[in-house]
């Protein structure tokens, strides 16, 4: 079950990170930084709540 959760987290993170990169290329740096922070939260937060 944890493997499925980790794979889902990685898939969501990869998609979100790709969106952040596309924002960065469009010179929307503030939005890209916010998306990068969101990606970091998506990766780190489950280790404190779900994956104990």
N, C-alpha and C. Protein backbone atom coordinates (compact mmCIF):
# COMPACT_ATOMS: atom_id res chain seq x y z
N UNK A 1 0.81 -1.19 0.00
CA UNK A 1 0.00 0.00 0.00
C UNK A 1 0.86 1.26 0.00
N UNK A 2 1.95 1.23 0.78
CA UNK A 2 2.83 2.39 0.81
C UNK A 2 3.50 2.63 -0.53
N UNK A 3 3.77 1.56 -1.26
CA UNK A 3 4.38 1.71 -2.58
C UNK A 3 3.44 2.46 -3.53
N UNK A 4 2.16 2.16 -3.45
CA UNK A 4 1.17 2.85 -4.29
C UNK A 4 1.11 4.32 -3.93
N UNK A 5 1.15 4.62 -2.63
CA UNK A 5 1.12 6.01 -2.19
C UNK A 5 2.36 6.76 -2.67
N UNK A 6 3.52 6.15 -2.56
CA UNK A 6 4.76 6.79 -2.99
C UNK A 6 4.75 7.02 -4.50
N UNK A 7 4.27 6.04 -5.27
CA UNK A 7 4.19 6.21 -6.72
C UNK A 7 3.23 7.32 -7.11
N UNK A 8 2.11 7.41 -6.41
CA UNK A 8 1.16 8.49 -6.68
C UNK A 8 1.77 9.84 -6.34
N UNK A 9 2.48 9.92 -5.24
CA UNK A 9 3.14 11.17 -4.87
C UNK A 9 4.18 11.59 -5.91
N UNK A 10 4.93 10.63 -6.39
CA UNK A 10 5.94 10.93 -7.40
C UNK A 10 5.31 11.39 -8.71
N UNK A 11 4.20 10.76 -9.09
CA UNK A 11 3.53 11.14 -10.33
C UNK A 11 2.96 12.55 -10.22
N UNK A 12 2.31 12.86 -9.11
CA UNK A 12 1.76 14.19 -8.91
C UNK A 12 2.87 15.23 -8.84
N UNK A 13 3.96 14.89 -8.16
CA UNK A 13 5.08 15.82 -8.04
C UNK A 13 5.73 16.09 -9.39
N UNK A 14 5.89 15.05 -10.20
CA UNK A 14 6.50 15.23 -11.51
C UNK A 14 5.64 16.14 -12.39
N UNK A 15 4.33 15.94 -12.36
CA UNK A 15 3.43 16.77 -13.15
C UNK A 15 3.47 18.22 -12.68
N UNK A 16 3.44 18.42 -11.36
CA UNK A 16 3.45 19.77 -10.80
C UNK A 16 4.78 20.45 -11.07
N UNK A 17 5.87 19.71 -10.95
CA UNK A 17 7.19 20.26 -11.24
C UNK A 17 7.30 20.66 -12.70
N UNK A 18 6.75 19.88 -13.60
CA UNK A 18 6.74 20.23 -15.02
C UNK A 18 5.97 21.50 -15.28
N UNK A 19 4.86 21.69 -14.57
CA UNK A 19 4.11 22.93 -14.70
C UNK A 19 4.92 24.11 -14.20
N UNK A 20 5.66 23.92 -13.12
CA UNK A 20 6.53 24.98 -12.60
C UNK A 20 7.62 25.34 -13.58
N UNK A 21 8.18 24.36 -14.24
CA UNK A 21 9.22 24.63 -15.25
C UNK A 21 8.64 25.41 -16.43
N UNK A 22 7.43 25.05 -16.85
CA UNK A 22 6.82 25.78 -17.96
C UNK A 22 6.52 27.22 -17.56
N UNK A 23 6.12 27.46 -16.31
CA UNK A 23 5.92 28.83 -15.84
C UNK A 23 7.23 29.59 -15.83
N UNK A 24 8.30 28.94 -15.41
CA UNK A 24 9.61 29.59 -15.36
C UNK A 24 10.06 30.00 -16.76
N UNK A 25 9.82 29.14 -17.74
CA UNK A 25 10.21 29.46 -19.12
C UNK A 25 9.40 30.60 -19.70
N UNK A 26 8.17 30.78 -19.20
CA UNK A 26 7.32 31.88 -19.66
C UNK A 26 7.59 33.17 -18.88
N UNK A 27 8.68 33.19 -18.12
CA UNK A 27 9.11 34.37 -17.35
C UNK A 27 8.13 34.73 -16.23
N UNK A 28 7.38 33.77 -15.73
CA UNK A 28 6.50 33.99 -14.59
C UNK A 28 7.17 33.37 -13.36
N UNK A 29 8.21 34.03 -12.91
CA UNK A 29 9.08 33.45 -11.89
C UNK A 29 8.41 33.34 -10.52
N UNK A 30 7.58 34.31 -10.15
CA UNK A 30 6.91 34.25 -8.85
C UNK A 30 5.94 33.05 -8.81
N UNK A 31 5.19 32.87 -9.86
CA UNK A 31 4.28 31.73 -9.93
C UNK A 31 5.03 30.41 -9.95
N UNK A 32 6.16 30.38 -10.66
CA UNK A 32 6.96 29.16 -10.71
C UNK A 32 7.52 28.83 -9.34
N UNK A 33 7.98 29.83 -8.61
CA UNK A 33 8.50 29.58 -7.26
C UNK A 33 7.41 29.07 -6.34
N UNK A 34 6.20 29.59 -6.48
CA UNK A 34 5.08 29.11 -5.68
C UNK A 34 4.77 27.65 -6.01
N UNK A 35 4.82 27.30 -7.27
CA UNK A 35 4.56 25.91 -7.69
C UNK A 35 5.67 24.99 -7.20
N UNK A 36 6.92 25.46 -7.23
CA UNK A 36 8.03 24.65 -6.71
C UNK A 36 7.86 24.42 -5.21
N UNK A 37 7.42 25.44 -4.49
CA UNK A 37 7.17 25.28 -3.06
C UNK A 37 6.03 24.29 -2.82
N UNK A 38 4.99 24.37 -3.63
CA UNK A 38 3.88 23.43 -3.53
C UNK A 38 4.37 22.00 -3.77
N UNK A 39 5.25 21.82 -4.74
CA UNK A 39 5.80 20.49 -5.03
C UNK A 39 6.59 19.98 -3.83
N UNK A 40 7.36 20.86 -3.21
CA UNK A 40 8.12 20.46 -2.03
C UNK A 40 7.20 20.03 -0.91
N UNK A 41 6.11 20.75 -0.71
CA UNK A 41 5.14 20.39 0.32
C UNK A 41 4.46 19.06 -0.01
N UNK A 42 4.16 18.84 -1.28
CA UNK A 42 3.53 17.58 -1.70
C UNK A 42 4.45 16.40 -1.39
N UNK A 43 5.75 16.59 -1.54
CA UNK A 43 6.69 15.49 -1.31
C UNK A 43 6.94 15.28 0.19
N UNK A 44 7.08 16.35 0.96
CA UNK A 44 7.50 16.24 2.35
C UNK A 44 6.35 15.93 3.30
N UNK A 45 5.22 16.57 3.13
CA UNK A 45 4.12 16.47 4.09
C UNK A 45 3.60 15.04 4.32
N UNK A 46 3.46 14.21 3.31
CA UNK A 46 2.95 12.84 3.57
C UNK A 46 3.85 12.01 4.48
N UNK A 47 5.14 12.33 4.54
CA UNK A 47 6.01 11.56 5.41
C UNK A 47 5.73 11.85 6.89
N UNK A 48 5.10 12.98 7.17
CA UNK A 48 4.73 13.31 8.54
C UNK A 48 3.32 12.84 8.88
N UNK A 49 2.49 12.60 7.88
CA UNK A 49 1.09 12.27 8.17
C UNK A 49 0.72 10.84 7.78
N UNK A 50 0.97 10.45 6.56
CA UNK A 50 0.51 9.16 6.05
C UNK A 50 1.54 8.05 6.22
N UNK A 51 2.77 8.34 5.88
CA UNK A 51 3.82 7.32 5.88
C UNK A 51 4.64 7.35 7.18
N UNK A 52 4.01 6.98 8.27
CA UNK A 52 4.70 7.02 9.57
C UNK A 52 5.61 5.83 9.75
